[in-house]
Amino acid sequence: MYGRLPYMFANESSVPSPILVAIRGILRSWDMATTDHRYLDHFHPDGVLHVGAEPTKGAAAMKKLHDDMVDPQKGPVVHLQHFCDRVFLMPTQRLLENEYDGIDSSGKDKGGLATGKESERIAVPTRGLMNGNDKIEAVYTGKLISVLKTKESITTDFATWIVLSPVVGVSKEVPSACEVKGDAAVNKENEKDIDNHSKPSYGELRVEYLRVFSDTAALVTAISKVETDGE
């Protein structure tokens, strides 16, 4: 649709890979009509997913929400496909010299979570994250294609607000998904990371709250027509 992979953001080179891992893991799994429900691996146990009129909290509610929204046999929606545009990190997460781990005033890498060119690096404040004191907030945008059982496709724009915080209370000896990877390997490693997220790792970013904003008027109208014609 955009001449690039569906889950690739235009500005992802300036976004820390742990944030991309969480977003991609949720979207890929959610887009499966017969899902593996592995999007749940990227939420805290008491995480909240707010897609419709009311928020849903916890794994059971999220599973029901997905399965009520899309059914490959019964419909009315039989397939979903997200296309990602851009990620916007909250200003407090942009690297400030001498404040967060990352790059010091001399330009030397201090070991924080950062990606991209040195002059454009963004760092996650690892010191605070490991103590459970900080949260990461971001907004990402894109388009969603919903395919109905009539084969009609409806495209909607969306913006999603996501709040992440690190896993705490597990052994520090467990490898963390927040380890920095070389820029050239980020995309390939993200695929592997998503497959390894069933068990929480110390410091791993998981979702506390995810809220989707979208104009679904056209989709609701199309679904209503499908349901009316099927009666």
Protein backbone atom coordinates (compact mmCIF):
# COMPACT_ATOMS: atom_id res chain seq x y z
CA MET A 1 0.00 0.00 0.00
CA TYR A 2 2.89 2.36 0.81
CA GLY A 3 5.65 0.60 -1.08
CA ARG A 4 6.99 -0.84 2.16
CA LEU A 5 6.19 -3.63 4.57
CA PRO A 6 2.86 -3.20 6.43
CA TYR A 7 4.40 -3.00 9.89
CA MET A 8 7.35 -0.79 8.97
CA PHE A 9 7.18 2.81 10.18
CA ALA A 10 8.60 5.57 8.00
CA ASN A 11 10.65 6.93 10.91
CA GLU A 12 11.46 3.70 12.74
CA SER A 13 15.22 4.25 12.57
CA SER A 14 14.77 6.89 15.29
CA VAL A 15 12.54 4.75 17.52
CA PRO A 16 14.00 2.41 20.20
CA SER A 17 13.57 -1.20 19.11
CA PRO A 18 11.76 -2.36 22.31
CA ILE A 19 8.91 0.04 21.50
CA LEU A 20 8.72 -1.27 17.93
CA VAL A 21 8.73 -4.85 19.19
CA ALA A 22 5.66 -4.21 21.35
CA ILE A 23 3.71 -2.36 18.66
CA ARG A 24 4.49 -4.85 15.91
CA GLY A 25 3.82 -7.83 18.12
CA ILE A 26 0.34 -6.55 18.93
CA LEU A 27 -0.58 -5.57 15.37
CA ARG A 28 0.68 -8.75 13.70
CA SER A 29 -1.20 -11.02 16.07
CA TRP A 30 -4.34 -8.86 16.07
CA ASP A 31 -4.47 -8.98 12.26
CA MET A 32 -4.71 -12.77 12.27
CA ALA A 33 -8.31 -13.80 11.67
CA THR A 34 -7.59 -17.03 13.50
CA THR A 35 -5.20 -15.40 15.91
CA ASP A 36 -2.61 -16.98 18.16
CA HIS A 37 -3.58 -14.34 20.76
CA ARG A 38 0.07 -13.50 21.22
CA TYR A 39 -0.77 -9.82 21.29
CA LEU A 40 -1.51 -10.57 24.94
CA ASP A 41 2.20 -11.24 25.50
CA HIS A 42 2.85 -7.53 25.05
CA PHE A 43 0.39 -6.39 27.73
CA HIS A 44 0.80 -6.38 31.48
CA PRO A 45 -1.69 -8.78 33.16
CA ASP A 46 -3.89 -5.83 34.12
CA GLY A 47 -3.30 -3.96 30.86
CA VAL A 48 -6.15 -2.05 29.23
CA LEU A 49 -7.08 -2.10 25.53
CA HIS A 50 -9.52 0.64 24.53
CA VAL A 51 -10.75 0.09 20.97
CA GLY A 52 -14.51 0.52 21.10
CA ALA A 53 -16.84 2.59 23.22
CA GLU A 54 -15.69 0.91 26.43
CA PRO A 55 -12.20 -0.20 27.53
CA THR A 56 -11.35 -3.86 28.02
CA LYS A 57 -9.05 -5.05 30.79
CA GLY A 58 -7.26 -8.36 31.08
CA ALA A 59 -6.61 -11.29 28.76
CA ALA A 60 -10.10 -12.82 28.70
CA ALA A 61 -11.78 -9.54 27.79
CA MET A 62 -9.21 -8.79 25.07
CA LYS A 63 -9.63 -12.24 23.52
CA LYS A 64 -13.39 -11.82 23.39
CA LEU A 65 -13.02 -8.36 21.87
CA HIS A 66 -10.84 -9.63 19.05
CA ASP A 67 -12.94 -12.69 18.31
CA ASP A 68 -16.14 -10.63 18.30
CA MET A 69 -14.59 -8.15 15.87
CA VAL A 70 -13.27 -10.55 13.25
CA ASP A 71 -14.35 -14.06 12.25
CA PRO A 72 -12.88 -15.66 9.08
CA GLN A 73 -15.99 -17.78 8.51
CA LYS A 74 -19.00 -15.88 9.86
CA GLY A 75 -17.82 -12.30 9.45
CA PRO A 76 -19.00 -9.67 9.02
CA VAL A 77 -15.28 -8.78 9.13
CA VAL A 78 -13.15 -11.66 7.87
CA HIS A 79 -9.73 -10.07 7.59
CA LEU A 80 -7.76 -7.12 8.99
CA GLN A 81 -4.53 -5.52 7.82
CA HIS A 82 -2.76 -2.64 9.52
CA PHE A 83 -0.36 -0.37 7.65
CA CYS A 84 1.94 1.72 9.83
CA ASP A 85 2.89 5.35 9.19
CA ARG A 86 4.86 7.04 11.96
CA VAL A 87 5.65 6.82 15.69
CA PHE A 88 5.74 9.96 17.83
CA LEU A 89 7.46 9.66 21.21
CA MET A 90 6.36 11.95 24.00
CA PRO A 91 8.82 14.88 24.40
CA THR A 92 10.01 13.71 27.82
CA GLN A 93 11.48 10.61 26.18
CA ARG A 94 13.74 12.54 23.81
CA LEU A 95 17.34 12.41 24.82
CA LEU A 96 18.52 15.28 27.04
CA GLU A 97 22.29 15.50 27.44
CA ASN A 98 23.57 14.47 30.86
CA GLU A 99 20.07 13.50 32.03
CA TYR A 100 19.48 9.99 30.71
CA ASP A 101 21.71 7.09 29.80
CA GLY A 102 22.55 7.38 26.14
CA ILE A 103 25.02 9.95 24.81
CA ASP A 104 26.97 12.24 27.11
CA SER A 105 27.96 15.84 26.39
CA SER A 106 31.02 14.69 24.44
CA GLY A 107 28.90 12.57 22.12
CA LYS A 108 30.10 9.28 23.59
CA ASP A 109 27.56 6.48 23.86
CA LYS A 110 26.94 5.74 27.55
CA GLY A 111 25.03 2.54 26.94
CA GLY A 112 21.43 3.72 27.01
CA LEU A 113 18.74 2.38 24.71
CA ALA A 114 19.23 4.39 21.56
CA THR A 115 18.99 3.88 17.82
CA GLY A 116 19.71 5.89 14.72
CA LYS A 117 22.44 8.45 14.09
CA GLU A 118 24.21 9.88 17.14
CA SER A 119 22.90 13.37 16.44
CA GLU A 120 19.32 12.08 16.27
CA ARG A 121 19.35 9.41 18.95
CA ILE A 122 16.42 8.84 21.24
CA ALA A 123 17.04 7.07 24.52
CA VAL A 124 14.82 5.26 26.97
CA PRO A 125 15.75 6.33 30.53
CA THR A 126 16.99 2.89 31.52
CA ARG A 127 18.01 3.83 35.05
CA GLY A 128 14.48 4.85 35.96
CA LEU A 129 12.89 2.04 33.98
CA MET A 130 14.76 -0.64 35.83
CA ASN A 131 13.40 0.78 39.07
CA GLY A 132 9.88 0.87 37.71
CA ASN A 133 9.73 4.64 38.04
CA ASP A 134 9.15 5.64 34.44
CA LYS A 135 6.68 4.98 31.69
CA ILE A 136 7.05 5.39 27.97
CA GLU A 137 4.26 7.09 26.06
CA ALA A 138 3.96 7.27 22.29
CA VAL A 139 1.42 7.82 19.56
CA TYR A 140 1.57 5.90 16.31
CA THR A 141 -0.51 6.39 13.18
CA GLY A 142 -1.53 4.34 10.18
CA LYS A 143 -4.36 2.86 8.19
CA LEU A 144 -6.47 -0.23 8.76
CA ILE A 145 -8.06 -2.24 5.97
CA SER A 146 -11.09 -4.26 7.06
CA VAL A 147 -12.34 -6.88 4.61
CA LEU A 148 -15.98 -7.91 4.95
CA LYS A 149 -17.45 -11.29 4.04
CA THR A 150 -18.89 -9.61 0.93
CA LYS A 151 -15.24 -8.97 -0.08
CA GLU A 152 -15.76 -5.22 0.29
CA SER A 153 -12.73 -3.44 1.76
CA ILE A 154 -13.03 -0.44 4.05
CA THR A 155 -9.96 1.67 4.85
CA THR A 156 -9.85 3.80 7.98
CA ASP A 157 -7.17 6.09 9.38
CA PHE A 158 -6.16 5.59 12.99
CA ALA A 159 -4.00 7.07 15.71
CA THR A 160 -3.08 5.00 18.74
CA TRP A 161 -1.89 6.23 22.12
CA ILE A 162 0.22 3.64 23.91
CA VAL A 163 1.64 3.67 27.44
CA LEU A 164 4.37 1.14 28.25
CA SER A 165 6.24 0.33 31.42
CA PRO A 166 8.93 -2.22 32.28
CA VAL A 167 8.35 -5.64 33.75
CA VAL A 168 9.56 -5.72 37.35
CA GLY A 169 9.41 -8.37 40.03
CA VAL A 170 11.18 -11.06 38.00
CA SER A 171 14.79 -12.16 38.19
CA LYS A 172 17.32 -9.77 36.68
CA GLU A 173 19.11 -12.84 35.35
CA VAL A 174 16.36 -13.35 32.79
CA PRO A 175 17.54 -11.80 29.49
CA SER A 176 15.73 -8.54 28.81
CA ALA A 177 13.96 -7.72 25.56
CA CYS A 178 15.28 -4.19 26.07
CA GLU A 179 18.81 -5.08 24.97
CA VAL A 180 20.12 -2.78 22.25
CA LYS A 181 20.65 -4.29 18.82
CA GLY A 182 22.64 -2.92 15.93
CA ASP A 183 20.59 -0.72 13.64
CA ALA A 184 21.08 -2.98 10.63
CA ALA A 185 19.68 -5.97 12.51
CA VAL A 186 16.66 -4.30 14.12
CA ASN A 187 14.03 -5.56 11.67
CA LYS A 188 15.23 -9.17 11.65
CA GLU A 189 15.68 -9.26 15.39
CA ASN A 190 12.21 -7.85 15.98
CA GLU A 191 10.78 -10.94 14.31
CA LYS A 192 12.71 -13.16 16.74
CA ASP A 193 11.80 -11.04 19.75
CA ILE A 194 8.10 -11.34 19.06
CA ASP A 195 8.42 -15.12 19.13
CA ASN A 196 10.18 -14.99 22.51
CA HIS A 197 7.73 -12.82 24.41
CA SER A 198 5.59 -15.47 26.07
CA LYS A 199 7.62 -15.19 29.29
CA PRO A 200 8.21 -11.79 30.89
CA SER A 201 11.78 -10.55 31.07
CA TYR A 202 13.11 -8.11 33.62
CA GLY A 203 12.93 -4.60 32.17
CA GLU A 204 10.91 -5.67 29.13
CA LEU A 205 8.45 -3.02 28.02
CA ARG A 206 4.82 -4.10 28.15
CA VAL A 207 1.62 -2.18 27.60
CA GLU A 208 -0.35 -0.67 30.45
CA TYR A 209 -2.81 1.18 28.27
CA LEU A 210 -3.55 1.27 24.55
CA ARG A 211 -6.23 3.56 23.12
CA VAL A 212 -7.22 3.59 19.44
CA PHE A 213 -8.74 6.70 17.88
CA SER A 214 -10.40 6.21 14.50
CA ASP A 215 -13.36 7.37 12.43
CA THR A 216 -15.23 4.11 11.92
CA ALA A 217 -18.45 5.58 10.48
CA ALA A 218 -17.92 4.07 7.02
CA LEU A 219 -17.04 0.67 8.47
CA VAL A 220 -20.05 0.63 10.81
CA THR A 221 -22.35 1.56 7.91
CA ALA A 222 -20.92 -1.19 5.71
CA ILE A 223 -21.23 -3.79 8.47
CA SER A 224 -24.83 -2.77 9.15
CA LYS A 225 -25.63 -3.22 5.46
CA VAL A 226 -24.04 -6.67 5.41
CA GLU A 227 -26.00 -7.74 8.48
CA THR A 228 -29.26 -6.32 7.10
CA ASP A 229 -28.82 -8.01 3.72
CA GLY A 230 -28.08 -11.28 5.46
CA GLU A 231 -31.34 -11.34 7.39
